N, C-alpha and C. Protein backbone atom coordinates (compact mmCIF):
# COMPACT_ATOMS: atom_id res chain seq x y z
N UNK A 1 -152.55 -17.28 82.31
CA UNK A 1 -152.47 -15.92 82.85
C UNK A 1 -151.09 -15.77 83.50
N UNK A 2 -150.36 -14.72 83.11
CA UNK A 2 -149.02 -14.58 83.67
C UNK A 2 -149.08 -14.02 85.09
N UNK A 3 -147.97 -14.15 85.78
CA UNK A 3 -147.90 -13.81 87.20
C UNK A 3 -148.08 -12.32 87.43
N UNK A 4 -147.48 -11.48 86.58
CA UNK A 4 -147.60 -10.03 86.75
C UNK A 4 -149.03 -9.55 86.62
N UNK A 5 -149.75 -10.09 85.61
CA UNK A 5 -151.14 -9.69 85.43
C UNK A 5 -152.00 -10.17 86.60
N UNK A 6 -151.78 -11.37 87.07
CA UNK A 6 -152.54 -11.90 88.20
C UNK A 6 -152.30 -11.06 89.46
N UNK A 7 -151.04 -10.68 89.68
CA UNK A 7 -150.72 -9.85 90.84
C UNK A 7 -151.37 -8.47 90.72
N UNK A 8 -151.33 -7.87 89.54
CA UNK A 8 -151.94 -6.56 89.32
C UNK A 8 -153.45 -6.63 89.50
N UNK A 9 -154.08 -7.66 88.96
CA UNK A 9 -155.52 -7.81 89.09
C UNK A 9 -155.93 -8.01 90.55
N UNK A 10 -155.16 -8.79 91.29
CA UNK A 10 -155.45 -8.99 92.71
C UNK A 10 -155.31 -7.69 93.48
N UNK A 11 -154.29 -6.91 93.18
CA UNK A 11 -154.10 -5.62 93.85
C UNK A 11 -155.26 -4.69 93.57
N UNK A 12 -155.67 -4.58 92.31
CA UNK A 12 -156.76 -3.67 91.95
C UNK A 12 -158.07 -4.11 92.61
N UNK A 13 -158.40 -5.38 92.52
CA UNK A 13 -159.67 -5.86 93.07
C UNK A 13 -159.71 -5.72 94.59
N UNK A 14 -158.63 -6.05 95.27
CA UNK A 14 -158.65 -5.96 96.73
C UNK A 14 -158.67 -4.51 97.20
N UNK A 15 -157.93 -3.63 96.55
CA UNK A 15 -157.94 -2.23 96.97
C UNK A 15 -159.27 -1.56 96.70
N UNK A 16 -159.86 -1.81 95.54
CA UNK A 16 -161.17 -1.22 95.25
C UNK A 16 -162.22 -1.81 96.17
N UNK A 17 -162.18 -3.12 96.37
CA UNK A 17 -163.16 -3.76 97.25
C UNK A 17 -163.06 -3.27 98.67
N UNK A 18 -161.86 -3.18 99.19
CA UNK A 18 -161.68 -2.68 100.55
C UNK A 18 -162.11 -1.22 100.67
N UNK A 19 -161.80 -0.43 99.66
CA UNK A 19 -162.18 0.99 99.69
C UNK A 19 -163.70 1.15 99.69
N UNK A 20 -164.39 0.38 98.88
CA UNK A 20 -165.84 0.48 98.81
C UNK A 20 -166.49 0.02 100.11
N UNK A 21 -166.00 -1.06 100.69
CA UNK A 21 -166.55 -1.57 101.95
C UNK A 21 -166.34 -0.57 103.08
N UNK A 22 -165.15 -0.03 103.19
CA UNK A 22 -164.86 0.95 104.25
C UNK A 22 -165.69 2.21 104.04
N UNK A 23 -165.81 2.65 102.79
CA UNK A 23 -166.63 3.85 102.51
C UNK A 23 -168.09 3.60 102.82
N UNK A 24 -168.61 2.42 102.51
CA UNK A 24 -170.02 2.12 102.80
C UNK A 24 -170.27 2.08 104.31
N UNK A 25 -169.37 1.45 105.04
CA UNK A 25 -169.53 1.42 106.50
C UNK A 25 -169.44 2.81 107.11
N UNK A 26 -168.49 3.60 106.63
CA UNK A 26 -168.36 4.97 107.12
C UNK A 26 -169.57 5.82 106.80
N UNK A 27 -170.08 5.68 105.58
CA UNK A 27 -171.27 6.45 105.19
C UNK A 27 -172.49 6.02 105.97
N UNK A 28 -172.61 4.72 106.26
CA UNK A 28 -173.74 4.24 107.05
C UNK A 28 -173.68 4.80 108.47
N UNK A 29 -172.49 4.80 109.06
CA UNK A 29 -172.33 5.37 110.39
C UNK A 29 -172.57 6.87 110.41
N UNK A 30 -172.07 7.55 109.40
CA UNK A 30 -172.25 9.00 109.30
C UNK A 30 -173.72 9.35 109.12
N UNK A 31 -174.44 8.57 108.31
CA UNK A 31 -175.87 8.81 108.10
C UNK A 31 -176.66 8.48 109.35
N UNK A 32 -176.25 7.48 110.11
CA UNK A 32 -176.95 7.12 111.34
C UNK A 32 -176.78 8.21 112.41
N UNK A 33 -175.61 8.84 112.43
CA UNK A 33 -175.36 9.88 113.43
C UNK A 33 -175.99 11.22 113.08
N UNK A 34 -176.10 11.51 111.81
CA UNK A 34 -176.66 12.79 111.37
C UNK A 34 -177.56 12.55 110.17
N UNK A 35 -178.60 13.32 110.07
CA UNK A 35 -179.51 13.19 108.94
C UNK A 35 -178.81 13.65 107.67
N UNK A 36 -179.15 13.00 106.60
CA UNK A 36 -178.55 13.38 105.32
C UNK A 36 -178.65 12.25 104.33
N UNK A 37 -178.03 12.45 103.19
CA UNK A 37 -178.08 11.48 102.11
C UNK A 37 -176.92 10.48 102.23
N UNK A 38 -177.25 9.21 102.22
CA UNK A 38 -176.23 8.16 102.25
C UNK A 38 -175.38 8.22 100.98
N UNK A 39 -176.03 8.44 99.84
CA UNK A 39 -175.32 8.41 98.57
C UNK A 39 -174.25 9.49 98.48
N UNK A 40 -174.59 10.70 98.91
CA UNK A 40 -173.62 11.79 98.85
C UNK A 40 -172.44 11.53 99.79
N UNK A 41 -172.72 11.06 100.97
CA UNK A 41 -171.64 10.76 101.92
C UNK A 41 -170.80 9.58 101.46
N UNK A 42 -171.44 8.60 100.86
CA UNK A 42 -170.72 7.47 100.30
C UNK A 42 -169.78 7.95 99.19
N UNK A 43 -170.25 8.87 98.36
CA UNK A 43 -169.42 9.42 97.30
C UNK A 43 -168.20 10.15 97.83
N UNK A 44 -168.39 10.95 98.88
CA UNK A 44 -167.27 11.65 99.50
C UNK A 44 -166.24 10.66 100.05
N UNK A 45 -166.72 9.64 100.73
CA UNK A 45 -165.80 8.68 101.34
C UNK A 45 -165.12 7.79 100.30
N UNK A 46 -165.79 7.50 99.20
CA UNK A 46 -165.15 6.74 98.12
C UNK A 46 -164.02 7.57 97.52
N UNK A 47 -164.25 8.87 97.36
CA UNK A 47 -163.19 9.75 96.86
C UNK A 47 -162.00 9.80 97.78
N UNK A 48 -162.25 9.91 99.07
CA UNK A 48 -161.15 9.91 100.04
C UNK A 48 -160.42 8.58 100.05
N UNK A 49 -161.17 7.48 99.92
CA UNK A 49 -160.53 6.17 99.86
C UNK A 49 -159.69 6.02 98.60
N UNK A 50 -160.14 6.59 97.50
CA UNK A 50 -159.36 6.56 96.27
C UNK A 50 -158.05 7.32 96.40
N UNK A 51 -158.12 8.48 97.05
CA UNK A 51 -156.90 9.26 97.28
C UNK A 51 -155.96 8.49 98.21
N UNK A 52 -156.51 7.87 99.25
CA UNK A 52 -155.68 7.11 100.18
C UNK A 52 -155.05 5.89 99.50
N UNK A 53 -155.76 5.31 98.55
CA UNK A 53 -155.21 4.14 97.84
C UNK A 53 -154.02 4.52 96.96
N UNK A 54 -153.95 5.79 96.55
CA UNK A 54 -152.85 6.23 95.71
C UNK A 54 -151.58 6.51 96.51
N UNK A 55 -151.72 6.65 97.81
CA UNK A 55 -150.54 6.92 98.62
C UNK A 55 -149.64 5.70 98.64
N UNK A 56 -148.34 5.89 98.61
CA UNK A 56 -147.45 4.73 98.62
C UNK A 56 -147.54 3.96 99.93
N UNK A 57 -147.46 2.64 99.85
CA UNK A 57 -147.61 1.84 101.06
C UNK A 57 -146.44 1.94 102.03
N UNK A 58 -145.29 2.39 101.55
CA UNK A 58 -144.14 2.48 102.46
C UNK A 58 -143.67 3.93 102.53
N UNK A 59 -143.94 4.55 103.63
CA UNK A 59 -143.52 5.92 103.85
C UNK A 59 -142.14 5.97 104.46
N UNK A 60 -141.68 7.17 104.78
CA UNK A 60 -140.34 7.33 105.36
C UNK A 60 -140.17 6.61 106.70
N UNK A 61 -141.23 6.57 107.50
CA UNK A 61 -141.13 5.92 108.81
C UNK A 61 -140.92 4.42 108.63
N UNK A 62 -141.67 3.82 107.73
CA UNK A 62 -141.53 2.38 107.49
C UNK A 62 -140.15 2.06 106.92
N UNK A 63 -139.67 2.88 106.02
CA UNK A 63 -138.34 2.63 105.45
C UNK A 63 -137.26 2.75 106.52
N UNK A 64 -137.39 3.74 107.39
CA UNK A 64 -136.39 3.90 108.44
C UNK A 64 -136.39 2.70 109.38
N UNK A 65 -137.56 2.17 109.69
CA UNK A 65 -137.65 1.00 110.56
C UNK A 65 -137.07 -0.24 109.91
N UNK A 66 -137.18 -0.32 108.60
CA UNK A 66 -136.76 -1.52 107.90
C UNK A 66 -135.31 -1.50 107.45
N UNK A 67 -134.58 -0.43 107.71
CA UNK A 67 -133.20 -0.33 107.22
C UNK A 67 -132.31 -1.45 107.76
N UNK A 68 -132.52 -1.84 109.02
CA UNK A 68 -131.72 -2.95 109.56
C UNK A 68 -131.99 -4.24 108.81
N UNK A 69 -133.25 -4.48 108.48
CA UNK A 69 -133.61 -5.69 107.74
C UNK A 69 -133.01 -5.64 106.35
N UNK A 70 -133.08 -4.48 105.71
CA UNK A 70 -132.49 -4.35 104.37
C UNK A 70 -130.98 -4.58 104.40
N UNK A 71 -130.32 -4.06 105.41
CA UNK A 71 -128.88 -4.27 105.53
C UNK A 71 -128.57 -5.76 105.76
N UNK A 72 -129.36 -6.41 106.58
CA UNK A 72 -129.13 -7.82 106.90
C UNK A 72 -129.37 -8.71 105.68
N UNK A 73 -130.43 -8.44 104.94
CA UNK A 73 -130.76 -9.29 103.80
C UNK A 73 -130.06 -8.87 102.53
N UNK A 74 -129.49 -7.65 102.51
CA UNK A 74 -128.80 -7.19 101.32
C UNK A 74 -129.72 -6.67 100.23
N UNK A 75 -130.97 -6.39 100.57
CA UNK A 75 -131.92 -5.86 99.58
C UNK A 75 -131.94 -4.34 99.65
N UNK A 76 -132.35 -3.73 98.56
CA UNK A 76 -132.51 -2.28 98.52
C UNK A 76 -133.92 -1.93 99.02
N UNK A 77 -134.11 -0.74 99.59
CA UNK A 77 -135.43 -0.36 100.10
C UNK A 77 -136.52 -0.34 99.04
N UNK A 78 -136.19 -0.11 97.78
CA UNK A 78 -137.22 -0.07 96.74
C UNK A 78 -137.35 -1.40 96.00
N UNK A 79 -136.82 -2.47 96.56
CA UNK A 79 -136.86 -3.77 95.90
C UNK A 79 -138.26 -4.26 95.57
N UNK A 80 -139.29 -4.04 96.40
CA UNK A 80 -140.62 -4.52 96.01
C UNK A 80 -141.17 -3.83 94.77
N UNK A 81 -140.65 -2.65 94.41
CA UNK A 81 -141.18 -1.92 93.27
C UNK A 81 -140.39 -2.17 92.00
N UNK A 82 -139.33 -2.94 92.09
CA UNK A 82 -138.56 -3.29 90.90
C UNK A 82 -139.16 -4.53 90.27
N UNK A 83 -138.68 -4.83 89.07
CA UNK A 83 -139.12 -6.07 88.44
C UNK A 83 -138.67 -7.25 89.28
N UNK A 84 -139.52 -8.25 89.31
CA UNK A 84 -139.19 -9.43 90.11
C UNK A 84 -138.18 -10.30 89.37
N UNK A 85 -137.74 -11.36 90.01
CA UNK A 85 -136.73 -12.24 89.43
C UNK A 85 -137.22 -12.95 88.18
N UNK A 86 -138.54 -13.19 88.07
CA UNK A 86 -139.05 -13.91 86.91
C UNK A 86 -139.27 -13.00 85.70
N UNK A 87 -138.95 -11.70 85.84
CA UNK A 87 -139.06 -10.79 84.72
C UNK A 87 -140.44 -10.20 84.51
N UNK A 88 -141.42 -10.61 85.30
CA UNK A 88 -142.77 -10.10 85.17
C UNK A 88 -142.94 -8.88 86.09
N UNK A 89 -143.16 -7.69 85.53
CA UNK A 89 -143.33 -6.53 86.39
C UNK A 89 -144.66 -6.57 87.12
N UNK A 90 -144.68 -6.13 88.36
CA UNK A 90 -145.91 -6.03 89.12
C UNK A 90 -146.60 -4.71 88.84
N UNK A 91 -147.60 -4.40 89.61
CA UNK A 91 -148.34 -3.15 89.45
C UNK A 91 -147.56 -2.03 90.11
N UNK A 92 -147.20 -1.01 89.36
CA UNK A 92 -146.41 0.10 89.88
C UNK A 92 -147.33 1.11 90.56
N UNK A 93 -146.75 2.12 91.16
CA UNK A 93 -147.55 3.16 91.81
C UNK A 93 -148.44 3.88 90.80
N UNK A 94 -147.93 4.09 89.59
CA UNK A 94 -148.75 4.71 88.57
C UNK A 94 -149.92 3.81 88.18
N UNK A 95 -149.68 2.51 88.14
CA UNK A 95 -150.76 1.57 87.84
C UNK A 95 -151.84 1.58 88.90
N UNK A 96 -151.43 1.67 90.16
CA UNK A 96 -152.41 1.77 91.24
C UNK A 96 -153.21 3.05 91.10
N UNK A 97 -152.53 4.15 90.79
CA UNK A 97 -153.23 5.42 90.59
C UNK A 97 -154.21 5.31 89.44
N UNK A 98 -153.77 4.74 88.33
CA UNK A 98 -154.59 4.69 87.13
C UNK A 98 -155.77 3.73 87.26
N UNK A 99 -155.56 2.57 87.85
CA UNK A 99 -156.59 1.55 87.88
C UNK A 99 -157.37 1.47 89.18
N UNK A 100 -156.94 2.17 90.23
CA UNK A 100 -157.68 2.17 91.50
C UNK A 100 -158.19 3.56 91.82
N UNK A 101 -157.31 4.54 91.84
CA UNK A 101 -157.69 5.88 92.27
C UNK A 101 -158.62 6.56 91.27
N UNK A 102 -158.29 6.52 90.01
CA UNK A 102 -159.10 7.20 89.01
C UNK A 102 -160.53 6.65 88.97
N UNK A 103 -160.74 5.32 88.93
CA UNK A 103 -162.13 4.84 88.95
C UNK A 103 -162.87 5.21 90.24
N UNK A 104 -162.19 5.18 91.39
CA UNK A 104 -162.86 5.56 92.63
C UNK A 104 -163.21 7.04 92.64
N UNK A 105 -162.36 7.89 92.09
CA UNK A 105 -162.68 9.32 92.02
C UNK A 105 -163.81 9.60 91.03
N UNK A 106 -163.88 8.84 89.96
CA UNK A 106 -164.99 8.99 89.00
C UNK A 106 -166.30 8.61 89.67
N UNK A 107 -166.30 7.52 90.42
CA UNK A 107 -167.52 7.12 91.15
C UNK A 107 -167.88 8.17 92.19
N UNK A 108 -166.87 8.72 92.88
CA UNK A 108 -167.12 9.73 93.89
C UNK A 108 -167.74 10.98 93.28
N UNK A 109 -167.25 11.41 92.15
CA UNK A 109 -167.82 12.58 91.48
C UNK A 109 -169.23 12.30 90.99
N UNK A 110 -169.46 11.08 90.53
CA UNK A 110 -170.79 10.72 90.04
C UNK A 110 -171.81 10.66 91.18
N UNK A 111 -171.39 10.15 92.34
CA UNK A 111 -172.31 10.03 93.48
C UNK A 111 -172.46 11.33 94.26
N UNK A 112 -171.36 12.10 94.35
CA UNK A 112 -171.38 13.28 95.20
C UNK A 112 -171.82 14.48 94.47
């Protein structure tokens, strides 16, 4: 198994797993506080988690904070999203959208 595929698979599994766990805990708390269907609330929260998973991990605030580090190390701010030194591309933002967000939104529509 090559490094790029292993990294992409790890990213997909951890993001989907974390999204489902957080959505289940949120839906359980929401159902405990107010009467209603756990399944429908779980579907709503899975959809929101899918949308949140599609957001880029480094926003403008993080980039601004890291500019000193980038200047010191000589790296560009978008270096984590470029191909790595071994030539194996990692999972891009589109890949995260396609393999994490879309399945979570499909589950959300099916449950909600």
